[in-house]
Every structure is written in structure tokens, then in C-alpha cells.
Protein backbone atom coordinates (compact mmCIF):
# COMPACT_ATOMS: atom_id res chain seq x y z
CA MET A 1 1.33 32.62 -12.31
CA THR A 2 2.44 35.71 -13.20
CA SER A 3 1.78 39.53 -12.94
CA SER A 4 2.87 41.86 -14.92
CA ASP A 5 3.12 45.45 -16.48
CA SER A 6 3.36 44.83 -20.15
CA LEU A 7 0.77 42.54 -22.46
CA PRO A 8 2.29 39.00 -23.15
CA ASP A 9 2.64 38.50 -26.77
CA ASP A 10 1.66 34.96 -28.44
CA ALA A 11 4.10 32.66 -26.96
CA ALA A 12 2.02 33.84 -23.44
CA SER A 13 -0.74 31.37 -24.80
CA ASP A 14 1.32 28.17 -25.38
CA ARG A 15 0.35 26.62 -22.14
CA LEU A 16 -3.35 26.89 -23.12
CA SER A 17 -4.90 23.64 -22.78
CA HIS A 18 -7.13 22.83 -26.15
CA LYS A 19 -9.26 20.59 -23.37
CA ARG A 20 -10.52 24.07 -21.51
CA PRO A 21 -11.61 27.10 -22.87
CA ARG A 22 -8.75 29.87 -22.53
CA VAL A 23 -11.31 32.92 -20.63
CA LEU A 24 -9.92 36.40 -20.58
CA LEU A 25 -11.34 38.04 -17.29
CA VAL A 26 -11.99 41.61 -17.10
CA THR A 27 -11.70 43.47 -13.40
CA PRO A 28 -11.86 47.57 -12.36
CA PHE A 29 -10.17 45.49 -8.54
CA SER A 30 -6.93 43.61 -9.02
CA PRO A 31 -7.50 40.38 -6.67
CA ARG A 32 -4.02 41.27 -5.27
CA PHE A 33 -4.52 43.76 -3.46
CA LEU A 34 -8.00 44.95 -0.89
CA TYR A 35 -10.40 48.44 -1.67
CA GLY A 36 -12.60 47.45 1.37
CA HIS A 37 -15.30 46.34 -0.49
CA GLY A 38 -17.18 43.31 -1.99
CA SER A 39 -14.47 42.72 -4.42
CA ASP A 40 -12.41 41.83 -1.74
CA ASP A 41 -14.23 38.68 -0.70
CA ILE A 42 -14.68 37.80 -4.13
CA GLY A 43 -11.95 38.13 -7.28
CA ARG A 44 -8.85 36.50 -4.79
CA PHE A 45 -10.86 33.45 -4.20
CA LEU A 46 -13.11 33.52 -7.48
CA TYR A 47 -10.43 33.65 -9.58
CA GLN A 48 -8.31 31.29 -8.32
CA ALA A 49 -11.06 28.72 -8.40
CA LEU A 50 -11.01 29.86 -12.11
CA GLY A 51 -7.65 29.19 -12.56
CA PHE A 52 -7.64 25.54 -12.15
CA VAL A 53 -10.79 24.60 -14.66
CA CYS A 54 -10.09 27.36 -17.10
CA ASP A 55 -7.02 29.02 -18.45
CA LEU A 56 -7.38 32.33 -17.43
CA THR A 57 -6.22 36.03 -17.59
CA VAL A 58 -6.88 38.57 -15.34
CA TYR A 59 -6.75 42.25 -16.57
CA ALA A 60 -6.86 43.89 -14.14
CA PRO A 61 -5.47 48.08 -12.94
CA ARG A 62 -2.84 48.51 -10.25
CA PRO A 63 -3.85 50.64 -7.59
CA SER A 64 -1.32 53.25 -7.12
CA ASP A 65 -1.94 54.04 -3.58
CA ARG A 66 -2.74 50.29 -2.05
CA CYS A 67 -0.20 47.66 -0.74
CA PRO A 68 -0.49 44.17 -2.06
CA VAL A 69 -1.53 41.76 -0.05
CA THR A 70 -1.19 38.28 -2.30
CA GLU A 71 1.88 37.10 -4.23
CA THR A 72 1.93 36.28 -7.61
CA SER A 73 3.85 33.10 -6.79
CA ASN A 74 0.57 31.32 -5.93
CA LEU A 75 -1.87 32.55 -8.79
CA SER A 76 -3.35 29.40 -10.18
CA TYR A 77 -4.08 32.26 -13.01
CA ASP A 78 -2.16 34.53 -15.72
CA LEU A 79 -2.55 38.18 -13.19
CA VAL A 80 -2.10 41.32 -15.89
CA GLU A 81 -1.47 44.61 -14.76
CA THR A 82 -1.05 47.91 -15.59
CA PRO A 83 -1.04 51.07 -13.91
CA ALA A 84 -4.33 52.72 -13.10
CA GLY A 85 -4.99 55.03 -15.88
CA LYS A 86 -5.32 59.80 -14.45
CA GLN A 87 -8.89 61.06 -13.24
CA SER A 88 -9.91 63.79 -15.60
CA VAL A 89 -13.24 66.12 -14.35
CA THR A 90 -13.79 65.11 -18.38
CA ARG A 91 -15.66 62.07 -17.10
CA PHE A 92 -18.36 64.20 -15.79
CA LEU A 93 -19.03 65.25 -19.45
CA GLY A 94 -19.21 62.07 -21.54
CA THR A 95 -21.98 59.74 -21.71
CA TYR A 96 -19.75 56.47 -19.88
CA PRO A 97 -21.10 56.73 -15.87
CA ALA A 98 -18.69 58.99 -13.99
CA ALA A 99 -18.55 56.19 -11.84
CA ALA A 100 -17.31 53.73 -13.68
CA ARG A 101 -14.69 56.13 -15.52
CA LYS A 102 -13.47 56.15 -11.74
CA ASP A 103 -12.27 52.91 -11.58
CA TRP A 104 -11.60 52.21 -14.95
CA ALA A 105 -9.85 54.96 -17.23
CA ALA A 106 -10.56 54.18 -21.21
CA ILE A 107 -7.05 53.74 -21.77
CA HIS A 108 -7.49 50.23 -20.27
CA THR A 109 -10.54 49.47 -22.92
CA ALA A 110 -7.43 50.10 -25.08
CA ARG A 111 -4.79 47.79 -23.26
CA VAL A 112 -7.23 44.65 -23.41
CA HIS A 113 -7.94 44.58 -26.57
CA ASP A 114 -4.34 44.43 -27.48
CA LEU A 115 -4.31 42.01 -25.12
CA GLN A 116 -7.14 39.82 -26.88
CA GLN A 117 -5.69 40.22 -30.04
CA ARG A 118 -2.52 39.00 -28.81
CA LEU A 119 -3.82 36.19 -26.65
CA ARG A 120 -6.65 35.60 -28.74
CA PRO A 121 -9.65 34.25 -26.01
CA ASP A 122 -12.21 31.60 -26.28
CA HIS A 123 -14.35 34.39 -24.61
CA ILE A 124 -13.99 37.43 -22.59
CA HIS A 125 -15.62 38.05 -19.00
CA ILE A 126 -16.58 41.32 -17.77
CA GLU A 127 -16.67 41.98 -13.82
CA TYR A 128 -18.83 44.61 -12.60
CA LEU A 129 -20.27 47.52 -15.58
CA GLN A 130 -17.46 49.15 -15.19
CA PRO A 131 -15.29 47.57 -17.44
CA VAL A 132 -18.21 46.79 -19.61
CA GLU A 133 -16.96 48.78 -22.86
CA VAL A 134 -14.22 45.94 -23.50
CA GLY A 135 -17.27 43.47 -24.33
CA LEU A 136 -19.30 46.30 -26.28
CA THR A 137 -16.22 47.98 -28.49
CA GLN A 138 -15.04 44.44 -30.09
CA SER A 139 -17.30 41.19 -31.58
CA ALA A 140 -13.70 38.96 -32.01
CA ALA A 141 -15.71 37.17 -29.01
CA PRO A 142 -17.85 35.81 -27.39
CA TRP A 143 -18.26 37.80 -23.64
CA SER A 144 -20.07 37.90 -20.57
CA ILE A 145 -20.71 39.99 -17.33
CA THR A 146 -21.39 39.48 -13.85
CA PHE A 147 -23.77 42.46 -12.07
CA HIS A 148 -22.95 42.52 -8.82
CA ASP A 149 -26.05 44.33 -8.61
CA ILE A 150 -28.27 46.28 -10.97
CA GLY A 151 -26.64 50.11 -11.30
CA THR A 152 -30.51 51.12 -12.15
CA ILE A 153 -31.58 49.93 -8.59
CA VAL A 154 -28.95 51.75 -6.74
CA SER A 155 -27.72 55.16 -8.57
CA HIS A 156 -32.11 55.27 -8.48
CA GLU A 157 -32.56 55.09 -4.95
CA SER A 158 -29.81 56.86 -4.07
CA ILE A 159 -31.13 59.95 -5.93
CA SER A 160 -33.84 60.67 -2.92
CA GLY A 161 -31.13 60.90 -0.24
CA ALA A 162 -29.97 63.98 -1.90
CA ALA A 163 -30.23 67.67 -2.30
CA GLY A 164 -29.25 70.86 -4.51
CA PRO A 165 -26.62 69.37 -6.97
CA THR A 166 -25.54 66.43 -5.26
CA LYS A 167 -29.15 65.37 -6.34
CA ILE A 168 -28.93 66.70 -10.09
CA HIS A 169 -25.95 65.17 -10.68
CA ARG A 170 -26.76 61.98 -9.34
CA ALA A 171 -29.96 62.12 -11.36
CA VAL A 172 -28.04 62.93 -14.27
CA GLU A 173 -25.39 59.88 -13.30
CA SER A 174 -28.46 57.55 -13.10
CA ALA A 175 -29.72 58.29 -16.38
CA ARG A 176 -26.37 57.31 -17.78
CA ILE A 177 -26.19 54.05 -15.98
CA ARG A 178 -29.33 52.58 -17.15
CA ARG A 179 -28.86 53.35 -20.84
CA LEU A 180 -24.85 51.43 -20.71
CA GLU A 181 -27.31 48.42 -18.49
CA ALA A 182 -30.03 48.59 -21.02
CA ARG A 183 -27.59 48.32 -24.00
CA THR A 184 -25.30 45.57 -21.67
CA ILE A 185 -27.75 43.78 -21.00
CA GLN A 186 -28.86 43.58 -25.39
CA LYS A 187 -25.36 42.59 -26.16
CA ALA A 188 -23.75 40.21 -23.72
CA ASN A 189 -23.23 36.98 -25.23
CA GLY A 190 -23.99 35.88 -21.55
CA ILE A 191 -24.71 37.17 -18.42
CA PHE A 192 -24.43 36.41 -14.52
CA VAL A 193 -26.31 37.81 -11.45
CA LEU A 194 -26.17 37.50 -7.63
CA SER A 195 -29.74 36.36 -6.61
CA GLU A 196 -33.10 35.59 -7.90
CA ARG A 197 -34.75 38.62 -7.58
CA ASP A 198 -31.27 40.65 -10.16
CA ARG A 199 -33.04 37.84 -12.63
CA GLN A 200 -35.87 38.86 -12.17
CA TRP A 201 -34.81 42.12 -13.09
CA ILE A 202 -33.04 41.36 -15.74
CA ARG A 203 -35.45 38.72 -17.52
CA GLU A 204 -38.02 41.68 -17.72
CA ARG A 205 -35.91 44.05 -19.55
CA GLY A 206 -35.27 41.17 -22.35
CA GLY A 207 -32.02 39.62 -20.88
CA GLN A 208 -32.20 35.64 -20.14
CA PRO A 209 -29.25 35.95 -16.94
CA THR A 210 -28.40 33.16 -15.01
CA VAL A 211 -28.17 33.35 -11.02
CA LEU A 212 -23.85 32.43 -10.10
CA ARG A 213 -24.04 31.05 -6.25
CA LEU A 214 -20.67 32.43 -4.79
CA GLY A 215 -18.61 30.67 -2.57
CA ILE A 216 -18.50 31.36 0.72
CA GLN A 217 -15.21 31.31 1.96
CA PRO A 218 -14.13 29.99 5.56
CA ALA A 219 -13.73 32.20 8.51
CA SER A 220 -10.54 33.01 9.88
CA ILE A 221 -12.44 32.81 13.56
CA ARG A 222 -15.33 31.54 14.44
CA TRP A 223 -17.45 33.84 16.37
CA ILE A 224 -17.69 33.76 20.07
CA PRO A 225 -20.63 33.48 22.27
CA PRO A 226 -21.28 35.33 25.50
CA THR A 227 -20.85 34.69 28.46
CA GLY A 228 -24.55 34.63 29.97
CA ASP A 229 -26.01 37.78 28.48
CA ALA A 230 -22.69 40.08 28.33
CA ASN A 231 -21.77 41.54 25.10
CA LEU A 232 -24.03 43.86 24.13
CA THR A 233 -22.19 46.04 21.23
CA LEU A 234 -24.06 45.89 17.62
CA LEU A 235 -22.24 45.80 14.88
CA PHE A 236 -22.01 46.98 11.59
CA ALA A 237 -19.84 46.66 8.97
CA GLY A 238 -19.31 48.00 5.25
CA ALA A 239 -18.00 50.10 3.38
CA MET A 240 -19.23 53.04 4.53
CA TRP A 241 -18.27 55.40 1.99
CA ARG A 242 -20.84 54.18 -0.57
CA ASP A 243 -24.68 55.52 0.15
CA ALA A 244 -26.47 52.67 0.34
CA ASN A 245 -24.20 52.00 3.66
CA GLU A 246 -24.10 55.39 4.49
CA ARG A 247 -28.28 55.13 4.52
CA SER A 248 -28.54 51.80 6.30
CA ALA A 249 -25.84 53.25 9.70
CA ILE A 250 -28.01 56.57 10.02
CA TRP A 251 -31.13 54.74 9.91
CA LEU A 252 -29.86 52.41 12.35
CA MET A 253 -28.55 55.55 14.36
CA THR A 254 -31.82 57.12 14.47
CA GLN A 255 -34.56 54.67 14.42
CA VAL A 256 -33.56 51.57 15.94
CA LEU A 257 -31.02 52.09 18.28
CA PRO A 258 -33.16 54.49 20.31
CA ARG A 259 -35.58 52.06 20.41
CA ILE A 260 -33.06 49.21 21.17
CA HIS A 261 -31.89 51.56 24.71
CA ALA A 262 -35.16 51.79 25.47
CA GLU A 263 -35.00 48.34 26.79
CA ILE A 264 -31.20 47.91 26.84
CA PRO A 265 -29.77 51.37 27.78
CA ASP A 266 -25.76 49.45 28.13
CA ALA A 267 -26.10 48.70 24.48
CA ARG A 268 -23.43 50.05 21.80
CA LEU A 269 -23.44 50.31 18.36
CA ARG A 270 -19.96 49.92 16.11
CA ILE A 271 -19.29 50.85 12.88
CA VAL A 272 -16.80 49.70 10.98
CA GLY A 273 -15.53 49.69 7.22
CA GLU A 274 -13.39 52.26 5.06
CA ARG A 275 -13.46 56.30 4.47
CA PRO A 276 -16.70 56.88 7.27
CA THR A 277 -18.13 59.91 6.02
CA PRO A 278 -18.47 63.54 7.05
CA ARG A 279 -22.15 63.45 7.44
CA LEU A 280 -22.06 59.55 9.25
CA MET A 281 -19.92 61.39 11.72
CA GLU A 282 -22.06 64.11 12.00
CA PHE A 283 -24.87 61.18 12.97
CA ALA A 284 -22.64 59.55 15.19
CA ARG A 285 -21.16 62.18 17.15
CA ALA A 286 -24.58 63.12 17.97
CA SER A 287 -24.53 60.11 19.93
CA ASN A 288 -22.86 58.63 22.80
CA ARG A 289 -23.64 55.18 22.12
CA VAL A 290 -22.15 54.94 19.00
CA ASP A 291 -18.37 53.91 17.82
CA VAL A 292 -17.53 54.24 14.42
CA VAL A 293 -14.36 52.64 13.61
CA GLY A 294 -13.06 53.27 10.01
CA HIS A 295 -10.87 50.80 8.19
CA VAL A 296 -10.11 47.35 10.43
CA ASP A 297 -7.06 44.70 10.06
CA ASN A 298 -9.86 41.75 9.90
CA LEU A 299 -13.21 42.19 9.65
CA ASP A 300 -14.01 38.50 10.75
CA ALA A 301 -12.59 39.31 14.02
CA GLU A 302 -15.03 42.27 14.46
CA TYR A 303 -18.16 39.68 13.31
CA ALA A 304 -16.23 37.06 16.32
CA GLY A 305 -16.42 39.73 19.14
CA ALA A 306 -19.75 41.41 18.37
CA GLY A 307 -22.99 40.32 20.69
CA LEU A 308 -24.46 41.04 17.97
CA ILE A 309 -24.62 41.41 13.34
CA LEU A 310 -26.98 44.53 12.33
CA ALA A 311 -27.04 44.13 8.46
CA PRO A 312 -30.00 45.89 7.16
CA THR A 313 -30.17 46.92 3.32
CA MET A 314 -31.46 50.32 1.78
CA VAL A 315 -30.69 49.28 -1.58
CA SER A 316 -33.27 46.01 -3.05
CA ALA A 317 -30.21 44.51 -5.60
CA GLY A 318 -27.39 42.43 -5.73
CA ILE A 319 -26.60 40.45 -2.85
CA LEU A 320 -25.16 41.57 0.73
CA LEU A 321 -21.24 40.34 1.19
CA LYS A 322 -21.53 41.42 5.19
CA VAL A 323 -23.91 38.74 5.19
CA GLN A 324 -22.66 36.10 4.15
CA ARG A 325 -19.10 36.72 6.25
CA ALA A 326 -21.41 37.10 9.33
CA LEU A 327 -23.22 33.46 7.84
CA ALA A 328 -19.36 32.41 7.79
CA CYS A 329 -18.27 33.42 10.78
CA GLY A 330 -20.86 31.96 12.67
CA ALA A 331 -22.60 34.97 14.18
CA PRO A 332 -25.92 36.09 15.21
CA MET A 333 -27.59 38.82 13.51
CA VAL A 334 -30.50 40.76 12.93
CA ILE A 335 -31.34 41.53 8.86
CA ASN A 336 -34.22 43.07 6.33
CA SER A 337 -36.18 40.83 3.71
CA ALA A 338 -34.05 42.97 1.17
CA ALA A 339 -31.08 41.16 2.46
CA ALA A 340 -32.60 37.77 3.32
CA GLN A 341 -33.80 36.82 0.35
CA PRO A 342 -31.17 36.72 -1.87
CA LEU A 343 -29.40 34.68 0.15
CA GLY A 344 -32.67 32.66 1.71
CA LEU A 345 -31.73 32.53 4.67
CA THR A 346 -35.07 32.29 7.02
CA ASN A 347 -36.70 33.47 10.10
CA GLY A 348 -36.08 32.49 12.98
CA VAL A 349 -33.75 29.82 11.72
CA ASN A 350 -30.81 31.75 10.82
CA ALA A 351 -30.92 35.16 11.40
CA LEU A 352 -33.67 37.44 12.78
CA ILE A 353 -35.71 39.58 9.92
CA ALA A 354 -37.67 43.04 10.68
CA ASN A 355 -38.28 45.51 8.20
CA ASP A 356 -39.61 48.75 9.83
CA PRO A 357 -37.50 50.36 13.03
CA GLN A 358 -39.21 49.02 15.39
CA GLY A 359 -39.82 45.49 14.64
CA PHE A 360 -35.96 45.89 13.62
CA ALA A 361 -35.08 47.29 17.20
CA GLU A 362 -37.33 44.38 19.03
CA ALA A 363 -35.64 41.59 17.10
CA ALA A 364 -32.17 42.78 18.08
CA THR A 365 -34.08 43.26 21.77
CA ALA A 366 -34.61 39.56 22.20
CA ALA A 367 -31.74 38.56 20.54
CA LEU A 368 -29.46 40.70 23.05
CA LYS A 369 -31.76 39.58 26.20
CA SER A 370 -31.45 36.22 25.18
CA SER A 371 -27.80 34.67 24.76
CA ARG A 372 -29.25 31.12 24.25
CA LEU A 373 -31.30 32.64 21.17
CA ARG A 374 -27.75 34.27 20.13
CA ARG A 375 -26.19 30.28 19.72
CA LEU A 376 -29.16 29.29 18.40
CA LEU A 377 -28.85 31.71 15.13
CA GLY A 378 -25.32 31.38 15.51
CA SER A 379 -24.95 27.54 14.85
CA ASN A 380 -27.67 27.64 12.45
CA ALA A 381 -25.75 30.23 10.77
CA HIS A 382 -22.75 28.51 10.56
CA HIS A 383 -24.44 25.44 9.27
CA TYR A 384 -25.03 27.29 6.83
CA ALA A 385 -22.34 28.71 5.32
CA THR A 386 -20.62 25.10 5.07
CA GLU A 387 -24.11 23.44 3.08
CA TYR A 388 -24.32 26.78 0.85
CA GLY A 389 -21.34 26.01 -1.82
CA SER A 390 -18.11 26.19 -2.43
CA TRP A 391 -15.43 28.61 -4.74
CA GLU A 392 -14.87 24.72 -6.56
CA HIS A 393 -18.94 25.22 -7.59
CA THR A 394 -18.95 28.73 -8.57
CA ALA A 395 -16.43 27.93 -10.44
CA ARG A 396 -17.95 25.24 -12.38
CA GLN A 397 -20.68 26.64 -12.79
CA PHE A 398 -18.95 29.71 -14.45
CA VAL A 399 -17.08 27.30 -16.60
CA ARG A 400 -20.97 25.66 -17.93
CA LEU A 401 -22.43 29.26 -18.96
CA ILE A 402 -19.28 30.43 -21.34
CA ARG A 403 -18.81 26.82 -22.49
CA THR A 404 -22.87 27.82 -23.66
CA ALA A 405 -22.05 31.07 -24.86
CA ARG A 406 -21.33 30.34 -28.69
CA GLY A 407 -20.59 26.81 -28.81
CA ILE A 408 -17.69 27.17 -26.73
């Protein structure tokens, strides 16, 4: 409905219905912008659906280095954006995780508290861990949070791939994240997670989370089946500056691709995603069968044009939105168990699932050699996506949970 640099006064709440919960949703990522990671596939669609089932105000910092992709006139909710706070080297010295401060400066917490006093929402919901201090530092309204992954797990697993000062920094950061998540689990009135695996992890630590079933947005273009056994392009996509995606891509380049080439010498690995790291580029240069593309305007078109999607994950938390996009496009894919489990995918039905390099390469090789197998996997993947659930269903599930928080 609106986008504003200023915080709305009490008059802005006049439109709010007493029959629907008034929700203030806080996120570090504005739904009007693309960031090159999973928030691009969630915010725009989830918040729009939520705006039809609750009286929703979304607060987000406005990035200074990106151009908006969504007009505010078509929003079903009120969007409040304020300029992003300045980053300071002191964020590495405090008790709050430095990575969280990168996306959420302390000034935004003060601005949200001001907005909360003006709007007097029934409930505050926090997307991602970065802005969680908003909930931890107020007591006027019940609040909930969505853990898009478990930072304790992700940060701990990232330590093993580092050395020297980087390893020390990651160990310190992991400790900060672990303490913050433990406190959040104890204090939040409601917790959403995106997989059963994450639900079990939080339950073991005293929380009572609910698995939120994210909708799958229909693809802008469907996967194009190959002619005969043509199209030997293997696609891996993701935010390549993320440690988990970098590790997955390097694993594919060094452990899997050579085994595929032993059977199919013409197969090529195409790596797509924002800000590929120098380390990843170094590994790619060592092979003449790897193309690192970087940013693309239409990720669905990449899925549609690939011969086969490769989507393993090296992190045992969260849900892979890249897998959801492949499902929506009806693209055949090879994944590992960590990527398949959160979505309940079945080996040989809607994906091929393998874990070790040899098994992963054998699965990819079998798919590349059989256009019939790829067509079957792609068709079943698309059917799964259409049956999985809509954003409207996600929004209704969300509202049911927040209504139970302190009797809303």
C-alpha cells in the first residue's frame, strides 16, 4: 500500500480491522529489492499473501546500492523503509553477531520501537535472526521469529573449512550466534522453522517450534526437455558469496565433475549466482569445463535451459530454495539427503538422491545419458510443486500460530 521514509503516526492505524490481527513484521531485507539470495524467493510473495489475512506493516532497511524491482502501489500491506544504517568496524567487537549487524544496524531497532509505539500492533514477527533484538528488547507485544536456518549449525560447520585468522573469527562469531539463538528460543512467544530437522533441533533445546510450509511460486518458464540425449549442461545456482554454496560448488568441481567426465567428457558445469568468491574462481580456472556466470536476471530461465540441476548442500539446516525453484520449473535434479529431507523428496521419483561423490556422479551420469529419465523426473518435480502448497496456505498457517501467542 505504502512505502515511507518516515514512521507513520497513530492515524495510520485507523484502517486496521479489529477482526484481524495487527502485525508488525520486521525484516532486514526489503521485499522491493533483490539481494541475490533466498529472501528474493520469500518476501515478495509471503508478505503479499499475509496482507490479505492480517493487517500487516512491514519494516525494512532500504539498501542504498540496489534498485527497487517492485512498485509499492500494488502491495497488500504497508511498507515502511528507512535508510540503511552505517556499518562500523565496532560490530566485530560487540556481543551481537557481526554478520547480523551487517544487515541490521542498531539504529533500526530504535526505529522499530518507535514504530511499535505508534502502531500498537497485536503481534511482532521477526524474519531471520539479524533483527531479533527487536523482540528481545521489548515486552509490550508478543513476538515470534522465523529461523530460516539454524545459525548455530551453519556457523559451526563453516569453521572446518577455514584457517588462520578467518577460522578464529568464525569460531568467535559462531559462539555469538549460539548464545543469541539460545536466548531467542527461550524468549520468543512463537517460533517458525522451515524443516522437520530444524524443528527437532530447537525442541531439544526447550523450544516449541512450528514447521512453516513455504509456498512455491509458479515458475516464469518451464524446463525444456532435451532433444535426444543432448544438453549436457549441469547447473548449480545460489548466492555464491555464501560459504555453504562455495563449498558445494567446489565439491562439485573437484569431487563430482571429474567422475562424470570419465563417462561423459562433454559435460559442463555452469555456476550461477551473485558474487562468486576469489577462491571459487581459482578452482574454476583450474578446469576447462566450468563456467562461472555470476548474476543473472532470470534464474528460472537458467533452470529451464539446463540439462540437469545439481543441488547438494553442505549444511544440515534450513531448506534449499534453489531446490524449490527447480521443482517449480519442472527441472530434473540430483541432490543429496540433506537437501531432500526438508522437502520430503523421494529418490527416483522427483529427484535423484546421492551423498558421496561417486554416487552423486553416477546419478548425474545416468540422468545425462537418458532423456527419458530426465523427462520423468522433471514431470514429477513439477507435479510435486503444484501439489505442495500456495503462499495463501502459508499465510493462513502463519496467522493461526500468532493467534495462539498469548491469546491473540
